[in-house]
Amino acid sequence: MFANLLQLFGRRSPADYEHAFVREVQVARKPKRDPRIERLLVIGWILIALKSAVVWWACAHYPVPFHPLWVILPTVAFATLCTAVYLGRR
């Protein structure tokens, strides 16, 4: 806002002044996905599935004062967030 206000009182710049700031635009290719990270994500999801099954079994087998989804849903939500961040950054 103040830069435009100062131009009103100052000397006018040449017409190509506004275009002088963009010299060159380079478009880089998307980086390739790291297979180790993707393997780690798959292993993580397998471990989450195993944990969910064990927690569900344990809550059904033992008298606990909470529902198993109180443990399973936050785990799945954060894993989904991590996976979405990894896949969405491409």
N, C-alpha and C. Protein backbone atom coordinates (compact mmCIF):
# COMPACT_ATOMS: atom_id res chain seq x y z
N MET A 1 0.81 -1.17 0.00
CA MET A 1 0.00 0.00 0.00
C MET A 1 0.87 1.25 0.00
N PHE A 2 1.87 1.30 0.88
CA PHE A 2 2.70 2.48 0.96
C PHE A 2 3.62 2.61 -0.26
N ALA A 3 4.01 1.47 -0.83
CA ALA A 3 4.88 1.55 -2.01
C ALA A 3 4.14 2.22 -3.16
N ASN A 4 2.88 1.89 -3.37
CA ASN A 4 2.12 2.53 -4.43
C ASN A 4 1.86 3.99 -4.12
N LEU A 5 1.65 4.32 -2.85
CA LEU A 5 1.44 5.70 -2.47
C LEU A 5 2.68 6.54 -2.72
N LEU A 6 3.85 5.95 -2.45
CA LEU A 6 5.09 6.69 -2.69
C LEU A 6 5.35 6.91 -4.18
N GLN A 7 4.89 5.97 -5.02
CA GLN A 7 5.07 6.15 -6.46
C GLN A 7 4.24 7.30 -6.99
N LEU A 8 3.14 7.61 -6.34
CA LEU A 8 2.33 8.74 -6.78
C LEU A 8 3.09 10.05 -6.64
N PHE A 9 3.86 10.17 -5.57
CA PHE A 9 4.60 11.41 -5.32
C PHE A 9 5.97 11.40 -5.98
N GLY A 10 6.48 10.23 -6.28
CA GLY A 10 7.82 10.13 -6.84
C GLY A 10 7.81 10.15 -8.36
N ARG A 11 8.98 9.94 -8.92
CA ARG A 11 9.14 9.92 -10.36
C ARG A 11 8.60 8.61 -10.93
N ARG A 12 8.01 8.65 -12.06
CA ARG A 12 7.50 7.44 -12.73
C ARG A 12 8.67 6.61 -13.25
N SER A 13 8.54 5.31 -13.12
CA SER A 13 9.59 4.43 -13.61
C SER A 13 9.28 4.01 -15.04
N PRO A 14 10.28 3.51 -15.75
CA PRO A 14 10.04 3.08 -17.14
C PRO A 14 9.02 1.93 -17.21
N ALA A 15 8.46 1.71 -18.38
CA ALA A 15 7.40 0.72 -18.56
C ALA A 15 7.89 -0.70 -18.28
N ASP A 16 9.16 -0.98 -18.60
CA ASP A 16 9.66 -2.34 -18.40
C ASP A 16 10.11 -2.58 -16.95
N TYR A 17 9.98 -1.59 -16.10
CA TYR A 17 10.40 -1.73 -14.70
C TYR A 17 9.61 -2.84 -13.99
N GLU A 18 8.33 -2.92 -14.26
CA GLU A 18 7.48 -3.92 -13.60
C GLU A 18 7.83 -5.33 -14.05
N HIS A 19 8.36 -5.49 -15.24
CA HIS A 19 8.67 -6.82 -15.76
C HIS A 19 10.11 -7.23 -15.48
N ALA A 20 10.90 -6.36 -14.94
CA ALA A 20 12.32 -6.65 -14.73
C ALA A 20 12.57 -7.62 -13.59
N PHE A 21 11.61 -7.83 -12.74
CA PHE A 21 11.84 -8.69 -11.58
C PHE A 21 11.77 -10.17 -11.92
N VAL A 22 11.02 -10.55 -12.92
CA VAL A 22 10.92 -11.95 -13.32
C VAL A 22 11.88 -12.17 -14.47
N ARG A 23 13.00 -12.74 -14.15
CA ARG A 23 14.03 -12.96 -15.17
C ARG A 23 13.81 -14.28 -15.90
N GLU A 24 13.52 -15.33 -15.12
CA GLU A 24 13.44 -16.65 -15.72
C GLU A 24 12.58 -17.54 -14.83
N VAL A 25 11.81 -18.41 -15.44
CA VAL A 25 10.99 -19.36 -14.70
C VAL A 25 11.40 -20.76 -15.13
N GLN A 26 11.76 -21.57 -14.14
CA GLN A 26 12.13 -22.95 -14.42
C GLN A 26 11.16 -23.87 -13.71
N VAL A 27 10.66 -24.84 -14.43
CA VAL A 27 9.74 -25.80 -13.84
C VAL A 27 10.51 -27.09 -13.62
N ALA A 28 10.62 -27.46 -12.36
CA ALA A 28 11.35 -28.69 -12.02
C ALA A 28 10.39 -29.87 -12.04
N ARG A 29 10.91 -31.01 -12.39
CA ARG A 29 10.10 -32.22 -12.36
C ARG A 29 9.86 -32.62 -10.92
N LYS A 30 8.77 -33.35 -10.73
CA LYS A 30 8.47 -33.81 -9.39
C LYS A 30 9.53 -34.82 -8.96
N PRO A 31 9.97 -34.72 -7.72
CA PRO A 31 10.96 -35.71 -7.27
C PRO A 31 10.34 -37.09 -7.19
N LYS A 32 11.15 -38.08 -7.46
CA LYS A 32 10.66 -39.45 -7.41
C LYS A 32 10.39 -39.84 -5.96
N ARG A 33 9.41 -40.68 -5.80
CA ARG A 33 9.08 -41.15 -4.46
C ARG A 33 10.15 -42.11 -3.97
N ASP A 34 10.42 -42.02 -2.69
CA ASP A 34 11.43 -42.88 -2.08
C ASP A 34 10.79 -44.22 -1.73
N PRO A 35 11.25 -45.32 -2.30
CA PRO A 35 10.63 -46.62 -2.01
C PRO A 35 10.80 -47.03 -0.55
N ARG A 36 11.85 -46.56 0.11
CA ARG A 36 12.03 -46.91 1.53
C ARG A 36 10.95 -46.26 2.38
N ILE A 37 10.60 -45.02 2.07
CA ILE A 37 9.55 -44.33 2.83
C ILE A 37 8.19 -44.99 2.58
N GLU A 38 7.93 -45.35 1.33
CA GLU A 38 6.66 -46.02 1.02
C GLU A 38 6.59 -47.37 1.69
N ARG A 39 7.70 -48.10 1.74
CA ARG A 39 7.73 -49.39 2.44
C ARG A 39 7.48 -49.18 3.93
N LEU A 40 8.06 -48.11 4.49
CA LEU A 40 7.84 -47.79 5.90
C LEU A 40 6.37 -47.46 6.17
N LEU A 41 5.73 -46.75 5.26
CA LEU A 41 4.31 -46.46 5.41
C LEU A 41 3.47 -47.72 5.39
N VAL A 42 3.78 -48.63 4.49
CA VAL A 42 3.03 -49.89 4.41
C VAL A 42 3.24 -50.72 5.68
N ILE A 43 4.48 -50.79 6.14
CA ILE A 43 4.75 -51.53 7.38
C ILE A 43 4.02 -50.88 8.55
N GLY A 44 3.99 -49.56 8.58
CA GLY A 44 3.27 -48.85 9.64
C GLY A 44 1.78 -49.16 9.62
N TRP A 45 1.18 -49.18 8.43
CA TRP A 45 -0.24 -49.49 8.34
C TRP A 45 -0.52 -50.94 8.75
N ILE A 46 0.38 -51.85 8.43
CA ILE A 46 0.22 -53.24 8.86
C ILE A 46 0.28 -53.33 10.38
N LEU A 47 1.24 -52.61 10.99
CA LEU A 47 1.35 -52.61 12.45
C LEU A 47 0.12 -51.96 13.10
N ILE A 48 -0.42 -50.94 12.48
CA ILE A 48 -1.64 -50.31 13.01
C ILE A 48 -2.81 -51.28 12.94
N ALA A 49 -2.91 -52.03 11.85
CA ALA A 49 -3.98 -53.03 11.74
C ALA A 49 -3.83 -54.11 12.81
N LEU A 50 -2.60 -54.57 13.03
CA LEU A 50 -2.37 -55.57 14.08
C LEU A 50 -2.70 -55.01 15.46
N LYS A 51 -2.27 -53.80 15.72
CA LYS A 51 -2.56 -53.15 17.01
C LYS A 51 -4.05 -53.01 17.21
N SER A 52 -4.76 -52.60 16.17
CA SER A 52 -6.20 -52.43 16.27
C SER A 52 -6.89 -53.75 16.58
N ALA A 53 -6.45 -54.81 15.95
CA ALA A 53 -7.04 -56.13 16.20
C ALA A 53 -6.76 -56.58 17.64
N VAL A 54 -5.54 -56.36 18.12
CA VAL A 54 -5.18 -56.75 19.49
C VAL A 54 -5.96 -55.92 20.51
N VAL A 55 -6.09 -54.62 20.27
CA VAL A 55 -6.83 -53.76 21.19
C VAL A 55 -8.30 -54.16 21.21
N TRP A 56 -8.88 -54.43 20.05
CA TRP A 56 -10.28 -54.83 19.99
C TRP A 56 -10.49 -56.16 20.74
N TRP A 57 -9.58 -57.10 20.51
CA TRP A 57 -9.67 -58.39 21.21
C TRP A 57 -9.51 -58.20 22.71
N ALA A 58 -8.53 -57.39 23.13
CA ALA A 58 -8.28 -57.22 24.56
C ALA A 58 -9.46 -56.52 25.25
N CYS A 59 -10.06 -55.55 24.58
CA CYS A 59 -11.21 -54.86 25.19
C CYS A 59 -12.43 -55.77 25.26
N ALA A 60 -12.55 -56.69 24.32
CA ALA A 60 -13.67 -57.64 24.37
C ALA A 60 -13.41 -58.75 25.37
N HIS A 61 -12.16 -59.11 25.58
CA HIS A 61 -11.81 -60.24 26.44
C HIS A 61 -11.70 -59.83 27.90
N TYR A 62 -11.19 -58.65 28.18
CA TYR A 62 -10.99 -58.18 29.55
C TYR A 62 -11.98 -57.06 29.87
N PRO A 63 -12.37 -56.94 31.13
CA PRO A 63 -13.31 -55.86 31.50
C PRO A 63 -12.58 -54.51 31.61
N VAL A 64 -12.67 -53.71 30.59
CA VAL A 64 -12.06 -52.37 30.61
C VAL A 64 -13.18 -51.34 30.53
N PRO A 65 -12.98 -50.17 31.13
CA PRO A 65 -14.07 -49.18 31.19
C PRO A 65 -14.19 -48.27 29.97
N PHE A 66 -13.64 -48.66 28.84
CA PHE A 66 -13.74 -47.81 27.65
C PHE A 66 -13.94 -48.68 26.42
N HIS A 67 -14.41 -48.04 25.38
CA HIS A 67 -14.63 -48.72 24.10
C HIS A 67 -13.30 -48.76 23.34
N PRO A 68 -13.05 -49.83 22.59
CA PRO A 68 -11.76 -49.92 21.87
C PRO A 68 -11.55 -48.83 20.82
N LEU A 69 -12.62 -48.23 20.33
CA LEU A 69 -12.45 -47.18 19.32
C LEU A 69 -11.80 -45.93 19.90
N TRP A 70 -11.81 -45.76 21.23
CA TRP A 70 -11.11 -44.64 21.85
C TRP A 70 -9.60 -44.76 21.66
N VAL A 71 -9.11 -45.95 21.43
CA VAL A 71 -7.69 -46.16 21.17
C VAL A 71 -7.43 -46.25 19.67
N ILE A 72 -8.33 -46.91 18.95
CA ILE A 72 -8.10 -47.20 17.54
C ILE A 72 -8.28 -45.95 16.66
N LEU A 73 -9.34 -45.18 16.89
CA LEU A 73 -9.63 -44.04 16.02
C LEU A 73 -8.53 -42.97 16.02
N PRO A 74 -7.98 -42.56 17.16
CA PRO A 74 -6.88 -41.57 17.09
C PRO A 74 -5.65 -42.12 16.35
N THR A 75 -5.37 -43.41 16.53
CA THR A 75 -4.23 -44.01 15.84
C THR A 75 -4.43 -43.96 14.33
N VAL A 76 -5.61 -44.35 13.88
CA VAL A 76 -5.91 -44.36 12.44
C VAL A 76 -5.96 -42.92 11.91
N ALA A 77 -6.49 -41.99 12.70
CA ALA A 77 -6.57 -40.59 12.25
C ALA A 77 -5.18 -39.99 12.05
N PHE A 78 -4.28 -40.20 13.00
CA PHE A 78 -2.93 -39.65 12.85
C PHE A 78 -2.16 -40.35 11.74
N ALA A 79 -2.36 -41.64 11.58
CA ALA A 79 -1.70 -42.35 10.48
C ALA A 79 -2.23 -41.86 9.13
N THR A 80 -3.52 -41.59 9.06
CA THR A 80 -4.09 -41.05 7.83
C THR A 80 -3.53 -39.67 7.54
N LEU A 81 -3.39 -38.86 8.58
CA LEU A 81 -2.81 -37.53 8.41
C LEU A 81 -1.37 -37.62 7.90
N CYS A 82 -0.57 -38.49 8.49
CA CYS A 82 0.82 -38.65 8.05
C CYS A 82 0.90 -39.13 6.61
N THR A 83 0.06 -40.09 6.26
CA THR A 83 0.05 -40.60 4.90
C THR A 83 -0.40 -39.53 3.91
N ALA A 84 -1.42 -38.76 4.29
CA ALA A 84 -1.92 -37.70 3.41
C ALA A 84 -0.86 -36.61 3.22
N VAL A 85 -0.14 -36.27 4.26
CA VAL A 85 0.92 -35.25 4.14
C VAL A 85 2.01 -35.76 3.20
N TYR A 86 2.39 -37.01 3.33
CA TYR A 86 3.43 -37.56 2.45
C TYR A 86 2.97 -37.58 1.00
N LEU A 87 1.75 -38.08 0.77
CA LEU A 87 1.26 -38.18 -0.60
C LEU A 87 0.86 -36.82 -1.18
N GLY A 88 0.45 -35.90 -0.33
CA GLY A 88 0.02 -34.58 -0.80
C GLY A 88 1.15 -33.63 -1.09
N ARG A 89 2.34 -33.90 -0.63
CA ARG A 89 3.45 -32.98 -0.88
C ARG A 89 4.03 -33.12 -2.28
N ARG A 90 3.55 -34.03 -3.04
CA ARG A 90 4.03 -34.25 -4.40
C ARG A 90 3.37 -33.29 -5.35
